[in-house]
Amino acid sequence: MSQAIDFYFDFSSPYGYLASEKIDDLAARHGRKVKWRPILLGVVFRQTGGAPLTSIPLKGAYSLHDFARSARFLDVPYEHPKRFPLSTQHAARAYYWLHDQDCAAARMFAHAVFRSLYTEGRDVSDMAVVLDIAAGQQVERSALAAALAGEVLKDRLKAECEAAIARGVFGSPYIVVDGEPFFGADRLPQIERWLASGGF
């Protein structure tokens, strides 16, 4: 098996959501696995001077249109949430806690968080909502709640964000294939060709 693909994303990123629905199948077609790495765009933006697309004049209106159009193009269900952008540290920390126990369960949880936000409009910034989503994935609610209340997961997510920035990650989704970075869900066709050809 060749080197795993690194998939950096923030749950609050619509383009991250769209990529999340495609990246595993794309990788599997080429004998690859994917390492999902949730980060916080707020931390990244403090380094880059960036801001959520929807808050930027002119780009904001375009991005809202493009989120929906890109979802239709990729055949992915999408409904822009009423509350946006929103913080996702609870979901990201929960992902890492789950991943340390069961990678498959963490992946299912991540999909559930994304879909809850972008098809049901649930407020995943609310810890209670994150716990509800996890419980729906057969995760022990009380154990996760205790973990989220501690410092270990806070430090873990902080370290993951710092490591991502050190690697050059500046947005979501940011996908690294054999050291080659690709930014944006619209880079999925390039990634497909890269994997098929061994680079170009």
N, C-alpha and C. Protein backbone atom coordinates (compact mmCIF):
# COMPACT_ATOMS: atom_id res chain seq x y z
N MET A 1 0.85 -1.20 0.00
CA MET A 1 0.00 0.00 0.00
C MET A 1 0.89 1.24 0.00
N SER A 2 0.61 2.17 -0.88
CA SER A 2 1.37 3.41 -0.96
C SER A 2 1.03 4.31 0.22
N GLN A 3 1.77 5.39 0.33
CA GLN A 3 1.61 6.33 1.43
C GLN A 3 0.19 6.88 1.49
N ALA A 4 -0.32 7.03 2.71
CA ALA A 4 -1.68 7.57 2.89
C ALA A 4 -1.75 9.03 2.46
N ILE A 5 -2.91 9.43 2.05
CA ILE A 5 -3.20 10.82 1.69
C ILE A 5 -3.63 11.56 2.95
N ASP A 6 -3.10 12.76 3.15
CA ASP A 6 -3.50 13.58 4.30
C ASP A 6 -4.59 14.55 3.87
N PHE A 7 -5.68 14.53 4.61
CA PHE A 7 -6.86 15.35 4.30
C PHE A 7 -7.11 16.28 5.49
N TYR A 8 -6.69 17.53 5.33
CA TYR A 8 -6.90 18.55 6.36
C TYR A 8 -8.20 19.30 6.06
N PHE A 9 -8.99 19.53 7.09
CA PHE A 9 -10.28 20.19 6.90
C PHE A 9 -10.78 20.78 8.20
N ASP A 10 -11.69 21.72 8.06
CA ASP A 10 -12.46 22.22 9.19
C ASP A 10 -13.92 21.82 8.94
N PHE A 11 -14.60 21.35 9.95
CA PHE A 11 -16.00 20.97 9.79
C PHE A 11 -16.85 22.15 9.34
N SER A 12 -16.39 23.38 9.57
CA SER A 12 -17.16 24.55 9.15
C SER A 12 -16.91 24.94 7.70
N SER A 13 -16.13 24.15 6.98
CA SER A 13 -15.80 24.46 5.59
C SER A 13 -16.73 23.71 4.63
N PRO A 14 -17.58 24.43 3.89
CA PRO A 14 -18.42 23.74 2.91
C PRO A 14 -17.61 22.95 1.88
N TYR A 15 -16.50 23.53 1.43
CA TYR A 15 -15.67 22.80 0.46
C TYR A 15 -15.02 21.59 1.12
N GLY A 16 -14.72 21.70 2.41
CA GLY A 16 -14.22 20.54 3.14
C GLY A 16 -15.25 19.43 3.17
N TYR A 17 -16.51 19.82 3.39
CA TYR A 17 -17.60 18.83 3.37
C TYR A 17 -17.69 18.15 2.02
N LEU A 18 -17.67 18.93 0.95
CA LEU A 18 -17.79 18.35 -0.38
C LEU A 18 -16.64 17.37 -0.65
N ALA A 19 -15.44 17.75 -0.28
CA ALA A 19 -14.29 16.85 -0.47
C ALA A 19 -14.43 15.60 0.38
N SER A 20 -14.99 15.75 1.57
CA SER A 20 -15.11 14.60 2.48
C SER A 20 -16.01 13.51 1.91
N GLU A 21 -16.95 13.92 1.06
CA GLU A 21 -17.87 12.95 0.48
C GLU A 21 -17.23 12.16 -0.68
N LYS A 22 -16.07 12.61 -1.15
CA LYS A 22 -15.45 12.00 -2.33
C LYS A 22 -14.06 11.42 -2.09
N ILE A 23 -13.35 11.94 -1.11
CA ILE A 23 -11.92 11.65 -1.01
C ILE A 23 -11.61 10.18 -0.74
N ASP A 24 -12.38 9.51 0.10
CA ASP A 24 -12.08 8.11 0.42
C ASP A 24 -12.25 7.20 -0.79
N ASP A 25 -13.35 7.38 -1.52
CA ASP A 25 -13.57 6.55 -2.71
C ASP A 25 -12.52 6.83 -3.77
N LEU A 26 -12.17 8.10 -3.93
CA LEU A 26 -11.15 8.47 -4.90
C LEU A 26 -9.84 7.77 -4.55
N ALA A 27 -9.45 7.86 -3.30
CA ALA A 27 -8.19 7.24 -2.86
C ALA A 27 -8.23 5.72 -3.03
N ALA A 28 -9.35 5.12 -2.68
CA ALA A 28 -9.46 3.66 -2.76
C ALA A 28 -9.31 3.16 -4.18
N ARG A 29 -9.77 3.94 -5.14
CA ARG A 29 -9.63 3.53 -6.55
C ARG A 29 -8.17 3.39 -6.95
N HIS A 30 -7.30 4.02 -6.18
CA HIS A 30 -5.87 3.98 -6.50
C HIS A 30 -5.06 3.30 -5.39
N GLY A 31 -5.75 2.48 -4.60
CA GLY A 31 -5.07 1.70 -3.58
C GLY A 31 -4.52 2.52 -2.43
N ARG A 32 -5.13 3.65 -2.16
CA ARG A 32 -4.65 4.52 -1.08
C ARG A 32 -5.66 4.60 0.06
N LYS A 33 -5.15 4.91 1.23
CA LYS A 33 -5.98 5.26 2.38
C LYS A 33 -5.86 6.76 2.62
N VAL A 34 -6.74 7.27 3.44
CA VAL A 34 -6.76 8.71 3.73
C VAL A 34 -6.68 8.91 5.24
N LYS A 35 -5.80 9.82 5.66
CA LYS A 35 -5.74 10.24 7.06
C LYS A 35 -6.53 11.55 7.18
N TRP A 36 -7.63 11.49 7.89
CA TRP A 36 -8.44 12.68 8.11
C TRP A 36 -7.85 13.47 9.27
N ARG A 37 -7.68 14.79 9.07
CA ARG A 37 -7.02 15.63 10.06
C ARG A 37 -7.81 16.93 10.27
N PRO A 38 -8.83 16.92 11.13
CA PRO A 38 -9.56 18.15 11.38
C PRO A 38 -8.69 19.21 12.04
N ILE A 39 -8.87 20.45 11.59
CA ILE A 39 -8.17 21.60 12.15
C ILE A 39 -9.19 22.71 12.37
N LEU A 40 -8.71 23.85 12.86
CA LEU A 40 -9.58 25.01 13.07
C LEU A 40 -9.12 26.14 12.17
N LEU A 41 -9.99 26.55 11.25
CA LEU A 41 -9.61 27.63 10.35
C LEU A 41 -9.37 28.94 11.08
N GLY A 42 -10.03 29.14 12.21
CA GLY A 42 -9.78 30.36 12.97
C GLY A 42 -8.33 30.48 13.38
N VAL A 43 -7.72 29.37 13.77
CA VAL A 43 -6.31 29.36 14.14
C VAL A 43 -5.45 29.64 12.91
N VAL A 44 -5.81 29.02 11.80
CA VAL A 44 -5.07 29.23 10.56
C VAL A 44 -5.18 30.68 10.12
N PHE A 45 -6.37 31.26 10.18
CA PHE A 45 -6.57 32.63 9.73
C PHE A 45 -5.77 33.63 10.56
N ARG A 46 -5.54 33.31 11.82
CA ARG A 46 -4.71 34.21 12.64
C ARG A 46 -3.28 34.26 12.10
N GLN A 47 -2.86 33.19 11.47
CA GLN A 47 -1.51 33.15 10.88
C GLN A 47 -1.48 33.79 9.49
N THR A 48 -2.55 33.62 8.74
CA THR A 48 -2.55 34.05 7.34
C THR A 48 -3.20 35.41 7.11
N GLY A 49 -3.94 35.89 8.10
CA GLY A 49 -4.71 37.11 7.90
C GLY A 49 -5.99 36.88 7.11
N GLY A 50 -6.36 35.61 6.97
CA GLY A 50 -7.56 35.25 6.21
C GLY A 50 -8.83 35.47 7.01
N ALA A 51 -9.94 35.15 6.35
CA ALA A 51 -11.26 35.29 6.97
C ALA A 51 -12.21 34.34 6.26
N PRO A 52 -13.32 33.97 6.88
CA PRO A 52 -14.30 33.13 6.19
C PRO A 52 -14.73 33.77 4.88
N LEU A 53 -14.82 32.96 3.83
CA LEU A 53 -15.17 33.48 2.51
C LEU A 53 -16.45 34.31 2.52
N THR A 54 -17.43 33.84 3.27
CA THR A 54 -18.74 34.51 3.25
C THR A 54 -18.70 35.90 3.87
N SER A 55 -17.63 36.23 4.60
CA SER A 55 -17.54 37.53 5.25
C SER A 55 -16.77 38.54 4.41
N ILE A 56 -16.25 38.11 3.27
CA ILE A 56 -15.42 38.98 2.43
C ILE A 56 -16.29 39.64 1.35
N PRO A 57 -16.22 40.96 1.22
CA PRO A 57 -17.03 41.64 0.20
C PRO A 57 -16.79 41.04 -1.19
N LEU A 58 -17.84 40.93 -1.96
CA LEU A 58 -17.87 40.36 -3.30
C LEU A 58 -17.65 38.85 -3.29
N LYS A 59 -16.59 38.39 -2.67
CA LYS A 59 -16.34 36.94 -2.59
C LYS A 59 -17.45 36.24 -1.83
N GLY A 60 -18.03 36.92 -0.84
CA GLY A 60 -19.04 36.29 -0.01
C GLY A 60 -20.24 35.82 -0.80
N ALA A 61 -20.80 36.70 -1.61
CA ALA A 61 -21.97 36.33 -2.40
C ALA A 61 -21.63 35.25 -3.41
N TYR A 62 -20.47 35.37 -4.02
CA TYR A 62 -20.05 34.35 -4.98
C TYR A 62 -19.89 33.00 -4.30
N SER A 63 -19.26 33.00 -3.13
CA SER A 63 -18.99 31.72 -2.46
C SER A 63 -20.29 31.00 -2.11
N LEU A 64 -21.30 31.73 -1.67
CA LEU A 64 -22.58 31.09 -1.35
C LEU A 64 -23.17 30.43 -2.59
N HIS A 65 -23.07 31.11 -3.72
CA HIS A 65 -23.56 30.55 -4.98
C HIS A 65 -22.73 29.32 -5.36
N ASP A 66 -21.42 29.43 -5.18
CA ASP A 66 -20.53 28.34 -5.61
C ASP A 66 -20.63 27.12 -4.72
N PHE A 67 -20.88 27.30 -3.44
CA PHE A 67 -21.06 26.13 -2.56
C PHE A 67 -22.15 25.23 -3.13
N ALA A 68 -23.29 25.85 -3.42
CA ALA A 68 -24.44 25.08 -3.90
C ALA A 68 -24.18 24.50 -5.29
N ARG A 69 -23.58 25.30 -6.16
CA ARG A 69 -23.29 24.81 -7.51
C ARG A 69 -22.29 23.66 -7.48
N SER A 70 -21.25 23.78 -6.65
CA SER A 70 -20.25 22.72 -6.55
C SER A 70 -20.86 21.45 -6.00
N ALA A 71 -21.77 21.61 -5.05
CA ALA A 71 -22.46 20.43 -4.51
C ALA A 71 -23.28 19.74 -5.60
N ARG A 72 -23.98 20.52 -6.42
CA ARG A 72 -24.75 19.92 -7.52
C ARG A 72 -23.81 19.22 -8.50
N PHE A 73 -22.69 19.85 -8.80
CA PHE A 73 -21.73 19.28 -9.74
C PHE A 73 -21.21 17.94 -9.25
N LEU A 74 -20.94 17.86 -7.93
CA LEU A 74 -20.40 16.63 -7.34
C LEU A 74 -21.49 15.66 -6.92
N ASP A 75 -22.77 16.06 -7.09
CA ASP A 75 -23.91 15.23 -6.71
C ASP A 75 -23.88 14.92 -5.21
N VAL A 76 -23.66 15.95 -4.44
CA VAL A 76 -23.62 15.84 -2.98
C VAL A 76 -24.75 16.69 -2.39
N PRO A 77 -25.57 16.14 -1.51
CA PRO A 77 -26.64 16.94 -0.91
C PRO A 77 -26.07 18.13 -0.15
N TYR A 78 -26.70 19.29 -0.27
CA TYR A 78 -26.17 20.48 0.40
C TYR A 78 -27.28 21.49 0.67
N GLU A 79 -27.29 21.98 1.89
CA GLU A 79 -28.18 23.07 2.28
C GLU A 79 -27.34 23.98 3.17
N HIS A 80 -27.15 25.22 2.73
CA HIS A 80 -26.28 26.10 3.51
C HIS A 80 -26.90 26.36 4.89
N PRO A 81 -26.12 26.17 5.95
CA PRO A 81 -26.68 26.34 7.30
C PRO A 81 -27.03 27.79 7.59
N LYS A 82 -28.07 27.99 8.37
CA LYS A 82 -28.50 29.34 8.73
C LYS A 82 -27.46 30.02 9.61
N ARG A 83 -26.83 29.24 10.49
CA ARG A 83 -25.76 29.80 11.32
C ARG A 83 -24.43 29.44 10.67
N PHE A 84 -23.73 30.46 10.20
CA PHE A 84 -22.48 30.23 9.49
C PHE A 84 -21.71 31.55 9.39
N PRO A 85 -20.38 31.51 9.62
CA PRO A 85 -19.58 30.36 10.04
C PRO A 85 -19.80 30.07 11.52
N LEU A 86 -19.28 28.98 11.97
CA LEU A 86 -19.43 28.59 13.37
C LEU A 86 -18.20 27.84 13.84
N SER A 87 -18.01 27.80 15.15
CA SER A 87 -16.82 27.15 15.72
C SER A 87 -17.03 25.63 15.74
N THR A 88 -15.93 24.91 15.56
CA THR A 88 -16.04 23.44 15.46
C THR A 88 -15.04 22.72 16.34
N GLN A 89 -14.55 23.38 17.37
CA GLN A 89 -13.53 22.74 18.20
C GLN A 89 -14.04 21.49 18.91
N HIS A 90 -15.31 21.48 19.33
CA HIS A 90 -15.83 20.30 20.03
C HIS A 90 -15.85 19.09 19.09
N ALA A 91 -16.29 19.30 17.87
CA ALA A 91 -16.34 18.20 16.91
C ALA A 91 -14.94 17.71 16.56
N ALA A 92 -14.01 18.64 16.37
CA ALA A 92 -12.65 18.24 16.02
C ALA A 92 -11.99 17.47 17.16
N ARG A 93 -12.18 17.94 18.39
CA ARG A 93 -11.60 17.22 19.54
C ARG A 93 -12.24 15.85 19.69
N ALA A 94 -13.55 15.78 19.50
CA ALA A 94 -14.23 14.49 19.60
C ALA A 94 -13.69 13.52 18.54
N TYR A 95 -13.43 14.03 17.34
CA TYR A 95 -12.88 13.17 16.29
C TYR A 95 -11.56 12.55 16.74
N TYR A 96 -10.66 13.35 17.27
CA TYR A 96 -9.35 12.81 17.67
C TYR A 96 -9.48 11.81 18.82
N TRP A 97 -10.41 12.07 19.73
CA TRP A 97 -10.64 11.13 20.83
C TRP A 97 -11.12 9.79 20.27
N LEU A 98 -12.06 9.85 19.34
CA LEU A 98 -12.56 8.62 18.74
C LEU A 98 -11.50 7.93 17.90
N HIS A 99 -10.73 8.71 17.16
CA HIS A 99 -9.72 8.13 16.28
C HIS A 99 -8.69 7.32 17.06
N ASP A 100 -8.37 7.78 18.25
CA ASP A 100 -7.39 7.05 19.07
C ASP A 100 -7.93 5.69 19.52
N GLN A 101 -9.24 5.52 19.43
CA GLN A 101 -9.85 4.25 19.83
C GLN A 101 -10.25 3.38 18.64
N ASP A 102 -10.79 4.03 17.61
CA ASP A 102 -11.34 3.28 16.47
C ASP A 102 -11.41 4.21 15.26
N CYS A 103 -10.51 4.00 14.32
CA CYS A 103 -10.44 4.88 13.14
C CYS A 103 -11.74 4.88 12.35
N ALA A 104 -12.33 3.71 12.18
CA ALA A 104 -13.58 3.62 11.40
C ALA A 104 -14.70 4.38 12.09
N ALA A 105 -14.77 4.27 13.40
CA ALA A 105 -15.82 4.99 14.14
C ALA A 105 -15.61 6.50 14.03
N ALA A 106 -14.36 6.93 14.07
CA ALA A 106 -14.07 8.35 13.93
C ALA A 106 -14.49 8.86 12.56
N ARG A 107 -14.26 8.06 11.54
CA ARG A 107 -14.62 8.45 10.18
C ARG A 107 -16.15 8.57 10.05
N MET A 108 -16.86 7.61 10.62
CA MET A 108 -18.33 7.67 10.58
C MET A 108 -18.85 8.89 11.32
N PHE A 109 -18.21 9.21 12.45
CA PHE A 109 -18.59 10.38 13.22
C PHE A 109 -18.36 11.65 12.41
N ALA A 110 -17.21 11.73 11.74
CA ALA A 110 -16.90 12.92 10.94
C ALA A 110 -17.93 13.12 9.84
N HIS A 111 -18.28 12.04 9.15
CA HIS A 111 -19.33 12.15 8.13
C HIS A 111 -20.64 12.62 8.75
N ALA A 112 -20.96 12.09 9.92
CA ALA A 112 -22.22 12.47 10.57
C ALA A 112 -22.23 13.95 10.96
N VAL A 113 -21.10 14.46 11.41
CA VAL A 113 -21.01 15.88 11.76
C VAL A 113 -21.21 16.73 10.52
N PHE A 114 -20.45 16.44 9.47
CA PHE A 114 -20.58 17.19 8.22
C PHE A 114 -22.02 17.17 7.71
N ARG A 115 -22.61 15.99 7.66
CA ARG A 115 -23.96 15.87 7.10
C ARG A 115 -24.99 16.54 8.00
N SER A 116 -24.78 16.48 9.30
CA SER A 116 -25.70 17.16 10.22
C SER A 116 -25.71 18.66 9.98
N LEU A 117 -24.52 19.21 9.70
CA LEU A 117 -24.41 20.64 9.47
C LEU A 117 -24.94 21.04 8.09
N TYR A 118 -24.55 20.29 7.06
CA TYR A 118 -24.80 20.73 5.69
C TYR A 118 -26.02 20.08 5.01
N THR A 119 -26.71 19.21 5.70
CA THR A 119 -27.98 18.73 5.16
C THR A 119 -29.14 18.94 6.14
N GLU A 120 -28.81 19.07 7.44
CA GLU A 120 -29.86 19.25 8.44
C GLU A 120 -29.79 20.60 9.13
N GLY A 121 -28.69 21.32 8.94
CA GLY A 121 -28.55 22.64 9.55
C GLY A 121 -28.36 22.63 11.05
N ARG A 122 -27.88 21.53 11.58
CA ARG A 122 -27.69 21.46 13.04
C ARG A 122 -26.48 22.30 13.46
N ASP A 123 -26.57 22.86 14.65
CA ASP A 123 -25.52 23.75 15.15
C ASP A 123 -24.42 22.92 15.81
N VAL A 124 -23.42 22.54 15.03
CA VAL A 124 -22.37 21.66 15.54
C VAL A 124 -21.35 22.41 16.39
N SER A 125 -21.56 23.73 16.60
CA SER A 125 -20.72 24.44 17.56
C SER A 125 -21.15 24.14 18.99
N ASP A 126 -22.34 23.62 19.15
CA ASP A 126 -22.92 23.30 20.46
C ASP A 126 -22.43 21.93 20.90
N MET A 127 -21.78 21.87 22.06
CA MET A 127 -21.25 20.60 22.53
C MET A 127 -22.35 19.55 22.68
N ALA A 128 -23.53 19.98 23.10
CA ALA A 128 -24.63 19.02 23.27
C ALA A 128 -25.01 18.39 21.94
N VAL A 129 -24.96 19.17 20.86
CA VAL A 129 -25.26 18.63 19.54
C VAL A 129 -24.19 17.64 19.11
N VAL A 130 -22.94 17.97 19.37
CA VAL A 130 -21.83 17.05 19.04
C VAL A 130 -21.99 15.75 19.81
N LEU A 131 -22.35 15.85 21.07
CA LEU A 131 -22.55 14.64 21.88
C LEU A 131 -23.74 13.84 21.35
N ASP A 132 -24.79 14.51 20.92
CA ASP A 132 -25.94 13.82 20.34
C ASP A 132 -25.54 13.08 19.05
N ILE A 133 -24.76 13.74 18.21
CA ILE A 133 -24.30 13.11 16.98
C ILE A 133 -23.46 11.88 17.28
N ALA A 134 -22.56 12.02 18.24
CA ALA A 134 -21.72 10.88 18.62
C ALA A 134 -22.55 9.74 19.19
N ALA A 135 -23.52 10.08 20.04
CA ALA A 135 -24.38 9.04 20.61
C ALA A 135 -25.13 8.30 19.51
N GLY A 136 -25.51 9.03 18.47
CA GLY A 136 -26.17 8.40 17.33
C GLY A 136 -25.27 7.44 16.57
N GLN A 137 -23.97 7.56 16.80
CA GLN A 137 -22.99 6.65 16.20
C GLN A 137 -22.53 5.59 17.21
N GLN A 138 -23.33 5.40 18.25
CA GLN A 138 -23.07 4.39 19.29
C GLN A 138 -21.84 4.71 20.14
N VAL A 139 -21.53 5.99 20.28
CA VAL A 139 -20.43 6.42 21.14
C VAL A 139 -20.99 6.67 22.53
N GLU A 140 -20.25 6.26 23.55
CA GLU A 140 -20.69 6.47 24.93
C GLU A 140 -20.65 7.95 25.27
N ARG A 141 -21.81 8.53 25.42
CA ARG A 141 -21.93 9.98 25.59
C ARG A 141 -21.15 10.49 26.80
N SER A 142 -21.30 9.84 27.93
CA SER A 142 -20.68 10.34 29.16
C SER A 142 -19.16 10.30 29.07
N ALA A 143 -18.61 9.28 28.45
CA ALA A 143 -17.15 9.17 28.31
C ALA A 143 -16.62 10.28 27.41
N LEU A 144 -17.32 10.54 26.31
CA LEU A 144 -16.88 11.60 25.41
C LEU A 144 -17.03 12.96 26.09
N ALA A 145 -18.12 13.18 26.81
CA ALA A 145 -18.32 14.45 27.51
C ALA A 145 -17.20 14.71 28.50
N ALA A 146 -16.80 13.68 29.22
CA ALA A 146 -15.70 13.83 30.18
C ALA A 146 -14.39 14.18 29.47
N ALA A 147 -14.16 13.52 28.34
CA ALA A 147 -12.93 13.79 27.59
C ALA A 147 -12.92 15.22 27.05
N LEU A 148 -14.06 15.69 26.55
CA LEU A 148 -14.14 17.04 26.00
C LEU A 148 -13.97 18.11 27.07
N ALA A 149 -14.25 17.76 28.30
CA ALA A 149 -14.12 18.73 29.40
C ALA A 149 -12.68 18.85 29.88
N GLY A 150 -11.82 17.93 29.47
CA GLY A 150 -10.44 17.93 29.95
C GLY A 150 -9.49 18.72 29.06
N GLU A 151 -8.25 18.81 29.51
CA GLU A 151 -7.24 19.59 28.79
C GLU A 151 -6.52 18.77 27.71
N VAL A 152 -6.54 17.46 27.83
CA VAL A 152 -5.77 16.63 26.91
C VAL A 152 -6.20 16.85 25.47
N LEU A 153 -7.51 16.82 25.22
CA LEU A 153 -8.01 17.00 23.86
C LEU A 153 -7.81 18.43 23.36
N LYS A 154 -7.89 19.39 24.26
CA LYS A 154 -7.63 20.77 23.86
C LYS A 154 -6.19 20.91 23.38
N ASP A 155 -5.27 20.31 24.13
CA ASP A 155 -3.86 20.36 23.75
C ASP A 155 -3.61 19.58 22.46
N ARG A 156 -4.32 18.47 22.31
CA ARG A 156 -4.16 17.66 21.10
C ARG A 156 -4.56 18.44 19.85
N LEU A 157 -5.72 19.10 19.91
CA LEU A 157 -6.17 19.86 18.74
C LEU A 157 -5.26 21.05 18.48
N LYS A 158 -4.80 21.69 19.52
CA LYS A 158 -3.86 22.79 19.35
C LYS A 158 -2.60 22.32 18.64
N ALA A 159 -2.09 21.18 19.05
CA ALA A 159 -0.89 20.62 18.43
C ALA A 159 -1.13 20.26 16.98
N GLU A 160 -2.31 19.70 16.68
CA GLU A 160 -2.64 19.34 15.30
C GLU A 160 -2.70 20.58 14.41
N CYS A 161 -3.28 21.66 14.94
CA CYS A 161 -3.36 22.90 14.17
C CYS A 161 -1.97 23.49 13.93
N GLU A 162 -1.15 23.46 14.96
CA GLU A 162 0.22 23.99 14.81
C GLU A 162 1.01 23.17 13.81
N ALA A 163 0.86 21.84 13.85
CA ALA A 163 1.57 20.98 12.91
C ALA A 163 1.09 21.22 11.49
N ALA A 164 -0.20 21.44 11.32
CA ALA A 164 -0.75 21.70 9.99
C ALA A 164 -0.18 23.00 9.43
N ILE A 165 -0.17 24.05 10.24
CA ILE A 165 0.37 25.33 9.79
C ILE A 165 1.84 25.19 9.44
N ALA A 166 2.58 24.46 10.25
CA ALA A 166 4.01 24.25 9.98
C ALA A 166 4.21 23.53 8.65
N ARG A 167 3.23 22.76 8.25
CA ARG A 167 3.32 22.03 6.99
C ARG A 167 2.86 22.87 5.80
N GLY A 168 2.32 24.04 6.08
CA GLY A 168 1.88 24.92 5.01
C GLY A 168 0.39 24.97 4.79
N VAL A 169 -0.39 24.32 5.63
CA VAL A 169 -1.84 24.29 5.47
C VAL A 169 -2.40 25.69 5.74
N PHE A 170 -3.18 26.22 4.80
CA PHE A 170 -3.72 27.56 4.95
C PHE A 170 -5.23 27.62 4.74
N GLY A 171 -5.88 26.49 4.51
CA GLY A 171 -7.31 26.50 4.30
C GLY A 171 -7.87 25.10 4.31
N SER A 172 -9.13 24.98 3.90
CA SER A 172 -9.84 23.70 3.93
C SER A 172 -10.71 23.55 2.69
N PRO A 173 -10.61 22.40 2.02
CA PRO A 173 -9.75 21.26 2.31
C PRO A 173 -8.34 21.47 1.74
N TYR A 174 -7.38 20.92 2.43
CA TYR A 174 -5.99 20.95 2.01
C TYR A 174 -5.53 19.50 2.01
N ILE A 175 -5.21 19.00 0.85
CA ILE A 175 -4.96 17.56 0.67
C ILE A 175 -3.53 17.35 0.19
N VAL A 176 -2.80 16.48 0.87
CA VAL A 176 -1.40 16.25 0.53
C VAL A 176 -1.23 14.82 0.04
N VAL A 177 -0.73 14.69 -1.18
CA VAL A 177 -0.50 13.39 -1.81
C VAL A 177 0.99 13.24 -2.08
N ASP A 178 1.64 12.36 -1.38
CA ASP A 178 3.07 12.12 -1.58
C ASP A 178 3.87 13.42 -1.53
N GLY A 179 3.51 14.29 -0.59
CA GLY A 179 4.21 15.55 -0.44
C GLY A 179 3.71 16.67 -1.33
N GLU A 180 2.81 16.37 -2.26
CA GLU A 180 2.26 17.37 -3.17
C GLU A 180 0.96 17.93 -2.61
N PRO A 181 0.90 19.24 -2.34
CA PRO A 181 -0.32 19.81 -1.76
C PRO A 181 -1.33 20.24 -2.82
N PHE A 182 -2.60 20.03 -2.49
CA PHE A 182 -3.72 20.46 -3.33
C PHE A 182 -4.72 21.17 -2.43
N PHE A 183 -5.14 22.37 -2.83
CA PHE A 183 -6.08 23.13 -2.02
C PHE A 183 -7.42 23.26 -2.74
N GLY A 184 -8.47 22.84 -2.07
CA GLY A 184 -9.82 23.02 -2.59
C GLY A 184 -10.45 21.76 -3.11
N ALA A 185 -11.77 21.67 -2.96
CA ALA A 185 -12.50 20.51 -3.48
C ALA A 185 -12.43 20.44 -5.00
N ASP A 186 -12.20 21.59 -5.65
CA ASP A 186 -12.11 21.59 -7.11
C ASP A 186 -10.81 20.98 -7.61
N ARG A 187 -9.92 20.61 -6.69
CA ARG A 187 -8.68 19.95 -7.08
C ARG A 187 -8.81 18.42 -7.11
N LEU A 188 -9.99 17.91 -6.80
CA LEU A 188 -10.17 16.46 -6.81
C LEU A 188 -9.83 15.83 -8.16
N PRO A 189 -10.21 16.41 -9.30
CA PRO A 189 -9.81 15.82 -10.58
C PRO A 189 -8.30 15.79 -10.77
N GLN A 190 -7.61 16.84 -10.29
CA GLN A 190 -6.15 16.84 -10.38
C GLN A 190 -5.56 15.73 -9.51
N ILE A 191 -6.14 15.55 -8.32
CA ILE A 191 -5.65 14.49 -7.44
C ILE A 191 -5.86 13.13 -8.08
N GLU A 192 -7.01 12.95 -8.71
CA GLU A 192 -7.29 11.68 -9.40
C GLU A 192 -6.23 11.41 -10.47
N ARG A 193 -5.93 12.42 -11.27
CA ARG A 193 -4.93 12.23 -12.32
C ARG A 193 -3.54 12.00 -11.73
N TRP A 194 -3.23 12.72 -10.66
CA TRP A 194 -1.93 12.57 -10.01
C TRP A 194 -1.74 11.13 -9.53
N LEU A 195 -2.79 10.60 -8.90
CA LEU A 195 -2.71 9.23 -8.40
C LEU A 195 -2.62 8.22 -9.53
N ALA A 196 -3.32 8.49 -10.60
CA ALA A 196 -3.33 7.55 -11.73
C ALA A 196 -2.00 7.54 -12.47
N SER A 197 -1.37 8.71 -12.54
CA SER A 197 -0.18 8.84 -13.38
C SER A 197 1.13 8.84 -12.62
N GLY A 198 1.04 9.01 -11.29
CA GLY A 198 2.26 9.11 -10.51
C GLY A 198 2.84 10.51 -10.51
N GLY A 199 2.02 11.48 -10.89
CA GLY A 199 2.46 12.87 -10.90
C GLY A 199 2.45 13.44 -12.31
N PHE A 200 2.44 14.77 -12.38
CA PHE A 200 2.49 15.43 -13.67
C PHE A 200 3.12 16.80 -13.51
